[in-house]
């Protein structure tokens, strides 16, 4: 199984440090996309195989010790979702675009805004 995992990265001088591996999916995941929402938080979205490749998003925060803490798991799309792309639009807000297939041969491009509100997406 391929679980979605992330690590925090920090640059001190010219040395890059990586935090501990943090699993963001509960099972197999694909088409991972990440965007910084602030200096200490990010959103990660992925196609979740446990839910028919529907897309899920999770908020990640960097803790005081430099490791990741996740909160919430929101469904971004309830159809087969692939080729996810995330882009920051303003502090705390991002744009998620993806390919969705609701039936055989019926593929569409869709976008939705994701917003960080009180520690959740």
Protein backbone atom coordinates (compact mmCIF):
# COMPACT_ATOMS: atom_id res chain seq x y z
CA UNK A 1 0.00 0.00 0.00
CA UNK A 2 1.11 3.56 -0.70
CA UNK A 3 0.08 5.79 2.17
CA UNK A 4 0.39 9.56 1.83
CA UNK A 5 3.12 10.86 4.13
CA UNK A 6 4.63 14.31 4.70
CA UNK A 7 7.54 15.82 6.64
CA UNK A 8 8.17 19.37 7.73
CA UNK A 9 11.32 20.92 6.27
CA UNK A 10 13.30 23.77 7.80
CA UNK A 11 16.39 25.53 6.57
CA UNK A 12 18.89 26.68 9.19
CA UNK A 13 21.77 28.49 7.51
CA UNK A 14 22.64 26.19 4.64
CA UNK A 15 21.46 22.97 6.33
CA UNK A 16 18.06 21.43 5.54
CA UNK A 17 16.35 19.59 8.41
CA UNK A 18 13.43 17.17 8.01
CA UNK A 19 10.90 16.39 10.74
CA UNK A 20 9.49 12.95 11.44
CA UNK A 21 7.34 11.19 8.82
CA UNK A 22 3.66 12.02 9.37
CA UNK A 23 1.00 9.84 7.72
CA UNK A 24 -1.83 11.95 6.30
CA UNK A 25 -3.98 9.23 4.71
CA UNK A 26 -5.64 6.34 6.53
CA UNK A 27 -4.89 4.00 3.65
CA UNK A 28 -3.66 3.94 0.07
CA UNK A 29 -3.54 7.37 -1.57
CA UNK A 30 -2.39 8.90 -4.86
CA UNK A 31 -2.22 12.24 -6.69
CA UNK A 32 -0.90 14.12 -3.64
CA UNK A 33 -0.89 17.94 -3.73
CA UNK A 34 0.35 20.33 -1.00
CA UNK A 35 0.12 24.09 -0.54
CA UNK A 36 1.44 26.39 2.21
CA UNK A 37 -1.39 28.39 3.78
CA UNK A 38 0.88 30.26 6.21
CA UNK A 39 4.43 30.08 7.56
CA UNK A 40 3.42 27.19 9.83
CA UNK A 41 0.45 25.48 8.14
CA UNK A 42 -0.32 23.70 4.88
CA UNK A 43 -3.14 21.81 3.21
CA UNK A 44 -2.55 18.40 1.68
CA UNK A 45 -5.09 16.84 -0.69
CA UNK A 46 -5.05 13.38 -2.26
CA UNK A 47 -7.18 10.72 -3.98
CA UNK A 48 -8.22 8.29 -1.24
CA UNK A 49 -8.39 4.68 -2.48
CA UNK A 50 -10.46 3.64 0.55
CA UNK A 51 -13.25 5.90 -0.75
CA UNK A 52 -13.23 5.07 -4.47
CA UNK A 53 -10.49 7.63 -5.17
CA UNK A 54 -12.60 10.52 -3.91
CA UNK A 55 -10.40 13.45 -2.93
CA UNK A 56 -9.73 14.27 0.71
CA UNK A 57 -7.91 17.25 2.23
CA UNK A 58 -6.24 17.62 5.60
CA UNK A 59 -4.75 20.62 7.41
CA UNK A 60 -1.14 20.26 8.60
CA UNK A 61 0.46 22.47 11.24
CA UNK A 62 4.11 22.56 12.26
CA UNK A 63 4.41 22.02 16.03
CA UNK A 64 6.92 23.77 18.33
CA UNK A 65 9.36 20.85 17.94
CA UNK A 66 9.23 21.14 14.13
CA UNK A 67 7.07 18.07 13.47
CA UNK A 68 3.70 17.91 11.74
CA UNK A 69 0.31 17.71 13.42
CA UNK A 70 -2.78 17.12 11.29
CA UNK A 71 -6.38 18.04 11.91
CA UNK A 72 -9.62 17.23 10.16
CA UNK A 73 -10.21 15.26 7.01
CA UNK A 74 -12.61 16.84 4.54
CA UNK A 75 -14.02 15.44 1.32
CA UNK A 76 -13.11 17.81 -1.51
CA UNK A 77 -14.87 15.71 -4.17
CA UNK A 78 -17.20 12.73 -3.86
CA UNK A 79 -16.37 11.31 -7.29
CA UNK A 80 -13.32 9.61 -8.77
CA UNK A 81 -10.68 12.35 -8.57
CA UNK A 82 -7.21 12.51 -10.11
CA UNK A 83 -4.50 14.99 -11.10
CA UNK A 84 -4.92 17.33 -8.13
CA UNK A 85 -3.18 20.73 -8.08
CA UNK A 86 -3.19 23.18 -5.15
CA UNK A 87 -2.21 26.84 -5.33
CA UNK A 88 -2.19 29.53 -2.63
CA UNK A 89 -4.44 32.48 -3.40
CA UNK A 90 -4.08 34.47 -0.16
CA UNK A 91 -3.04 33.74 3.44
CA UNK A 92 -5.20 30.86 4.72
CA UNK A 93 -6.80 30.23 1.31
CA UNK A 94 -5.95 28.00 -1.62
CA UNK A 95 -7.43 26.84 -4.90
CA UNK A 96 -7.76 23.09 -5.51
CA UNK A 97 -8.21 21.99 -9.14
CA UNK A 98 -8.62 18.40 -10.28
CA UNK A 99 -9.97 16.02 -12.88
CA UNK A 100 -13.20 14.31 -11.83
CA UNK A 101 -14.96 11.38 -13.47
CA UNK A 102 -18.59 10.76 -12.52
CA UNK A 103 -19.14 8.07 -15.14
CA UNK A 104 -17.33 6.10 -17.81
CA UNK A 105 -15.67 8.57 -20.18
CA UNK A 106 -17.18 11.58 -18.40
CA UNK A 107 -14.13 13.57 -17.29
CA UNK A 108 -14.29 17.20 -16.25
CA UNK A 109 -11.96 19.75 -14.76
CA UNK A 110 -13.18 21.33 -11.55
CA UNK A 111 -11.83 23.81 -9.02
CA UNK A 112 -12.86 24.76 -5.52
CA UNK A 113 -11.59 27.14 -2.89
CA UNK A 114 -10.24 25.71 0.36
CA UNK A 115 -10.02 27.96 3.40
CA UNK A 116 -8.37 27.51 6.79
CA UNK A 117 -10.81 28.49 9.55
CA UNK A 118 -9.99 28.05 13.25
CA UNK A 119 -7.54 25.19 12.77
CA UNK A 120 -9.55 23.23 10.18
CA UNK A 121 -10.24 23.32 6.44
